C-alpha atoms as a PDB file:
ATOM      1  CA  MET A   1       0.000   0.000   0.000  1.00  0.00           C
ATOM      2  CA  ASP A   2       1.508   3.328  -0.963  1.00  0.00           C
ATOM      3  CA  LYS A   3       1.656   6.538   1.062  1.00  0.00           C
ATOM      4  CA  ASN A   4      -1.414   8.209  -0.482  1.00  0.00           C
ATOM      5  CA  GLN A   5      -3.604   5.186   0.192  1.00  0.00           C
ATOM      6  CA  LYS A   6      -2.514   5.079   3.828  1.00  0.00           C
ATOM      7  CA  ILE A   7      -3.256   8.796   4.221  1.00  0.00           C
ATOM      8  CA  ILE A   8      -6.761   8.308   2.792  1.00  0.00           C
ATOM      9  CA  LEU A   9      -7.476   5.361   5.106  1.00  0.00           C
ATOM     10  CA  VAL A  10      -6.182   7.194   8.186  1.00  0.00           C
ATOM     11  CA  ALA A  11      -8.259  10.266   7.296  1.00  0.00           C
ATOM     12  CA  GLY A  12     -11.316   8.025   6.837  1.00  0.00           C
ATOM     13  CA  GLY A  13     -10.682   6.419  10.212  1.00  0.00           C
ATOM     14  CA  LEU A  14     -10.390   9.816  11.908  1.00  0.00           C
ATOM     15  CA  ILE A  15     -13.595  11.014  10.256  1.00  0.00           C
ATOM     16  CA  THR A  16     -15.320   7.836  11.448  1.00  0.00           C
ATOM     17  CA  LEU A  17     -14.142   8.457  15.023  1.00  0.00           C
ATOM     18  CA  GLY A  18     -15.267  12.084  14.788  1.00  0.00           C
ATOM     19  CA  LEU A  19     -18.711  11.020  13.601  1.00  0.00           C
ATOM     20  CA  LEU A  20     -18.926   8.507  16.445  1.00  0.00           C
ATOM     21  CA  VAL A  21     -19.049  11.449  18.853  1.00  0.00           C
ATOM     22  CA  ILE A  22     -21.878  13.070  16.879  1.00  0.00           C
ATOM     23  CA  ASP A  23     -24.004  10.016  16.035  1.00  0.00           C
ATOM     24  CA  PRO A  24     -23.132   6.298  15.933  1.00  0.00           C
ATOM     25  CA  PHE A  25     -25.324   5.782  12.843  1.00  0.00           C
ATOM     26  CA  PHE A  26     -23.257   8.270  10.809  1.00  0.00           C
ATOM     27  CA  ALA A  27     -20.077   6.633  12.120  1.00  0.00           C
ATOM     28  CA  LEU A  28     -21.270   3.244  10.831  1.00  0.00           C
ATOM     29  CA  ILE A  29     -21.963   4.750   7.404  1.00  0.00           C
ATOM     30  CA  ALA A  30     -18.456   6.251   7.339  1.00  0.00           C
ATOM     31  CA  LEU A  31     -17.005   2.911   8.491  1.00  0.00           C
ATOM     32  CA  VAL A  32     -18.673   1.174   5.537  1.00  0.00           C
ATOM     33  CA  PHE A  33     -17.093   3.717   3.179  1.00  0.00           C
ATOM     34  CA  VAL A  34     -13.657   3.160   4.720  1.00  0.00           C
ATOM     35  CA  LEU A  35     -14.037  -0.626   4.374  1.00  0.00           C
ATOM     36  CA  VAL A  36     -15.056  -0.240   0.723  1.00  0.00           C
ATOM     37  CA  LEU A  37     -11.951   1.898   0.137  1.00  0.00           C
ATOM     38  CA  LEU A  38      -9.797  -0.727   1.849  1.00  0.00           C
ATOM     39  CA  MET A  39     -11.204  -3.488  -0.378  1.00  0.00           C
ATOM     40  CA  SER A  40     -10.720  -1.327  -3.492  1.00  0.00           C
ATOM     41  CA  PHE A  41      -7.081  -0.700  -2.619  1.00  0.00           C
ATOM     42  CA  ARG A  42      -6.601  -4.436  -2.057  1.00  0.00           C
ATOM     43  CA  ILE A  43      -8.062  -5.279  -5.485  1.00  0.00           C
ATOM     44  CA  MET A  44      -5.941  -2.573  -7.138  1.00  0.00           C
ATOM     45  CA  GLY A  45      -2.845  -4.020  -5.473  1.00  0.00           C
ATOM     46  CA  GLU A  46      -3.536  -7.518  -6.825  1.00  0.00           C
ATOM     47  CA  THR A  47      -3.986  -6.321 -10.394  1.00  0.00           C
ATOM     48  CA  SER A  48      -1.334  -3.610 -10.595  1.00  0.00           C
ATOM     49  CA  ASN A  49       1.486  -5.770 -11.979  1.00  0.00           C
ATOM     50  CA  TYR A  50      -0.185  -8.645 -13.797  1.00  0.00           C
ATOM     51  CA  PRO A  51       0.372  -9.606 -17.449  1.00  0.00           C
ATOM     52  CA  LEU A  52      -2.594 -11.278 -19.090  1.00  0.00           C
ATOM     53  CA  ILE A  53      -2.127 -12.709 -22.575  1.00  0.00           C
ATOM     54  CA  ALA A  54      -5.154 -13.382 -24.789  1.00  0.00           C
ATOM     55  CA  ALA A  55      -5.211 -15.280 -28.085  1.00  0.00           C
ATOM     56  CA  GLU A  56      -7.846 -15.138 -30.799  1.00  0.00           C
ATOM     57  CA  LEU A  57      -8.254 -15.593 -34.521  1.00  0.00           C
ATOM     58  CA  SER A  58      -8.416 -12.629 -36.849  1.00  0.00           C
ATOM     59  CA  GLU A  59     -11.550 -11.952 -38.889  1.00  0.00           C
ATOM     60  CA  ASN A  60     -10.300 -13.866 -41.923  1.00  0.00           C
ATOM     61  CA  ALA A  61      -9.079 -16.827 -39.769  1.00  0.00           C
ATOM     62  CA  ARG A  62      -5.603 -16.667 -41.334  1.00  0.00           C
ATOM     63  CA  GLU A  63      -3.831 -15.060 -38.390  1.00  0.00           C
ATOM     64  CA  VAL A  64      -3.562 -15.674 -34.658  1.00  0.00           C
ATOM     65  CA  VAL A  65      -3.622 -12.380 -32.752  1.00  0.00           C
ATOM     66  CA  ILE A  66      -1.852 -12.320 -29.378  1.00  0.00           C
ATOM     67  CA  THR A  67      -2.754  -9.389 -27.094  1.00  0.00           C
ATOM     68  CA  ASN A  68      -1.442  -8.421 -23.678  1.00  0.00           C
ATOM     69  CA  THR A  69      -4.583  -7.223 -21.891  1.00  0.00           C
ATOM     70  CA  GLY A  70      -2.859  -7.020 -18.519  1.00  0.00           C
ATOM     71  CA  THR A  71      -1.099  -4.220 -16.681  1.00  0.00           C
ATOM     72  CA  ALA A  72       2.516  -5.394 -16.953  1.00  0.00           C
ATOM     73  CA  GLU A  73       4.974  -6.584 -19.577  1.00  0.00           C
ATOM     74  CA  ALA A  74       4.819 -10.258 -20.571  1.00  0.00           C
ATOM     75  CA  ARG A  75       8.064 -11.953 -21.603  1.00  0.00           C
ATOM     76  CA  ASN A  76       9.092 -15.198 -23.305  1.00  0.00           C
ATOM     77  CA  ILE A  77       5.668 -15.817 -24.806  1.00  0.00           C
ATOM     78  CA  HIS A  78       5.330 -19.254 -26.393  1.00  0.00           C
ATOM     79  CA  VAL A  79       2.172 -20.181 -28.317  1.00  0.00           C
ATOM     80  CA  ALA A  80       1.337 -23.717 -29.443  1.00  0.00           C
ATOM     81  CA  LEU A  81      -1.631 -24.253 -31.742  1.00  0.00           C
ATOM     82  CA  VAL A  82      -3.291 -27.631 -31.257  1.00  0.00           C
ATOM     83  CA  PRO A  83      -4.002 -29.793 -33.369  1.00  0.00           C
ATOM     84  CA  ILE A  84      -2.471 -27.973 -36.348  1.00  0.00           C
ATOM     85  CA  ASP A  85       1.056 -28.415 -34.937  1.00  0.00           C
ATOM     86  CA  VAL A  86       2.214 -24.801 -35.179  1.00  0.00           C
ATOM     87  CA  GLU A  87       4.392 -23.164 -32.537  1.00  0.00           C
ATOM     88  CA  PHE A  88       5.836 -19.653 -32.361  1.00  0.00           C
ATOM     89  CA  ASP A  89       7.515 -17.367 -29.853  1.00  0.00           C
ATOM     90  CA  ILE A  90       7.179 -13.657 -29.073  1.00  0.00           C
ATOM     91  CA  PRO A  91      10.016 -12.076 -27.054  1.00  0.00           C
ATOM     92  CA  SER A  92       7.833  -9.617 -25.115  1.00  0.00           C
ATOM     93  CA  LEU A  93       4.605  -7.633 -25.200  1.00  0.00           C
ATOM     94  CA  GLY A  94       3.882  -4.534 -23.168  1.00  0.00           C
ATOM     95  CA  PRO A  95       0.445  -3.691 -21.784  1.00  0.00           C
ATOM     96  CA  ASP A  96      -2.163  -3.293 -24.559  1.00  0.00           C
ATOM     97  CA  GLU A  97       0.284  -4.387 -27.273  1.00  0.00           C
ATOM     98  CA  MET A  98      -0.684  -6.852 -29.987  1.00  0.00           C
ATOM     99  CA  SER A  99       1.248  -9.236 -32.172  1.00  0.00           C
ATOM    100  CA  GLY A 100       0.030 -11.417 -35.024  1.00  0.00           C
ATOM    101  CA  PHE A 101       1.250 -14.665 -36.521  1.00  0.00           C
ATOM    102  CA  GLY A 102       0.149 -15.499 -40.043  1.00  0.00           C
ATOM    103  CA  LEU A 103      -0.997 -19.008 -40.905  1.00  0.00           C
ATOM    104  CA  ALA A 104      -0.631 -20.844 -44.231  1.00  0.00           C
ATOM    105  CA  SER A 105      -4.365 -21.535 -44.491  1.00  0.00           C
ATOM    106  CA  MET A 106      -7.630 -20.738 -42.762  1.00  0.00           C
ATOM    107  CA  VAL A 107      -8.297 -22.375 -39.424  1.00  0.00           C
ATOM    108  CA  SER A 108     -11.850 -23.354 -38.523  1.00  0.00           C
ATOM    109  CA  LYS A 109     -11.194 -24.661 -35.021  1.00  0.00           C
ATOM    110  CA  ALA A 110      -8.094 -24.967 -32.850  1.00  0.00           C
ATOM    111  CA  LYS A 111      -6.787 -24.430 -29.352  1.00  0.00           C
ATOM    112  CA  ALA A 112      -3.966 -22.053 -28.376  1.00  0.00           C
ATOM    113  CA  VAL A 113      -1.814 -23.008 -25.394  1.00  0.00           C
ATOM    114  CA  VAL A 114       0.028 -19.877 -24.277  1.00  0.00           C
ATOM    115  CA  THR A 115       2.887 -19.861 -21.759  1.00  0.00           C
ATOM    116  CA  TYR A 116       4.555 -16.648 -20.647  1.00  0.00           C
ATOM    117  CA  GLU A 117       6.199 -15.009 -17.657  1.00  0.00           C
ATOM    118  CA  ASN A 118       6.173 -11.622 -15.996  1.00  0.00           C
ATOM    119  CA  THR A 119       9.164  -9.403 -15.262  1.00  0.00           C
ATOM    120  CA  ALA A 120       9.739 -11.192 -11.927  1.00  0.00           C
ATOM    121  CA  GLY A 121      10.018 -14.568 -13.686  1.00  0.00           C
ATOM    122  CA  GLU A 122       6.672 -16.037 -12.568  1.00  0.00           C
ATOM    123  CA  LYS A 123       5.321 -18.399 -15.227  1.00  0.00           C
ATOM    124  CA  TYR A 124       1.713 -18.481 -16.406  1.00  0.00           C
ATOM    125  CA  THR A 125      -0.138 -20.860 -18.728  1.00  0.00           C
ATOM    126  CA  ARG A 126      -3.487 -20.181 -20.367  1.00  0.00           C
ATOM    127  CA  THR A 127      -5.526 -22.095 -22.927  1.00  0.00           C
ATOM    128  CA  TYR A 128      -7.832 -20.422 -25.442  1.00  0.00           C
ATOM    129  CA  PRO A 129     -10.252 -22.089 -27.854  1.00  0.00           C
ATOM    130  CA  LEU A 130      -9.916 -20.549 -31.313  1.00  0.00           C
ATOM    131  CA  THR A 131     -12.847 -20.703 -33.672  1.00  0.00           C
ATOM    132  CA  ALA A 132     -13.620 -18.855 -36.871  1.00  0.00           C
ATOM    133  CA  LEU A 133     -17.373 -18.823 -36.262  1.00  0.00           C
ATOM    134  CA  GLY A 134     -17.704 -17.291 -32.815  1.00  0.00           C
ATOM    135  CA  ALA A 135     -16.073 -15.720 -29.812  1.00  0.00           C
ATOM    136  CA  GLY A 136     -13.180 -17.688 -28.401  1.00  0.00           C
ATOM    137  CA  HIS A 137     -13.300 -16.422 -24.833  1.00  0.00           C
ATOM    138  CA  ASP A 138     -15.436 -17.274 -21.841  1.00  0.00           C
ATOM    139  CA  VAL A 139     -18.185 -14.673 -21.411  1.00  0.00           C
ATOM    140  CA  MET A 140     -18.387 -15.269 -17.660  1.00  0.00           C
ATOM    141  CA  GLU A 141     -14.655 -14.788 -17.014  1.00  0.00           C
ATOM    142  CA  PRO A 142     -13.856 -11.563 -15.119  1.00  0.00           C
ATOM    143  CA  MET A 143     -12.117  -8.836 -17.137  1.00  0.00           C
ATOM    144  CA  PHE A 144      -9.330  -8.656 -14.545  1.00  0.00           C
ATOM    145  CA  PRO A 145      -8.295 -11.256 -11.969  1.00  0.00           C
ATOM    146  CA  LEU A 146     -10.291 -10.800  -8.763  1.00  0.00           C
ATOM    147  CA  PHE A 147      -9.197 -12.311  -5.457  1.00  0.00           C
ATOM    148  CA  GLY A 148      -6.586 -14.613  -6.957  1.00  0.00           C
ATOM    149  CA  HIS A 149      -8.753 -15.880  -9.865  1.00  0.00           C
ATOM    150  CA  ARG A 150      -6.165 -16.398 -12.583  1.00  0.00           C
END
């Protein structure tokens, strides 16, 4: 937790104590706000340095597009396309950067197994279904990792 976040939480705590003298009901409302701020800072801390690589097919199904949708640089990205037996590597992708890999022919259905690591050397593996006829990602998956969901 950085200095500004601690200052905000301490100020919220002091305001809560000040409201306790005036009316306990108002103090409870302020306490709820402070707890919400604390949870928000915790979530921001978990997602502040997290690379998240996504793989999908392009519109014409002749290219695999790799995108870093996370908040940190991803390094040593290795993509294996199953069952078409194609593998390729990308040295690194910064946040919101994209890279494409052209294929010899159109792909109707495949699976991309992506392995990568962050700047600290932690390794991650994700699997994405690739299909030319629909979305390849899970609609119910959170946009950013909440509470350790990776």
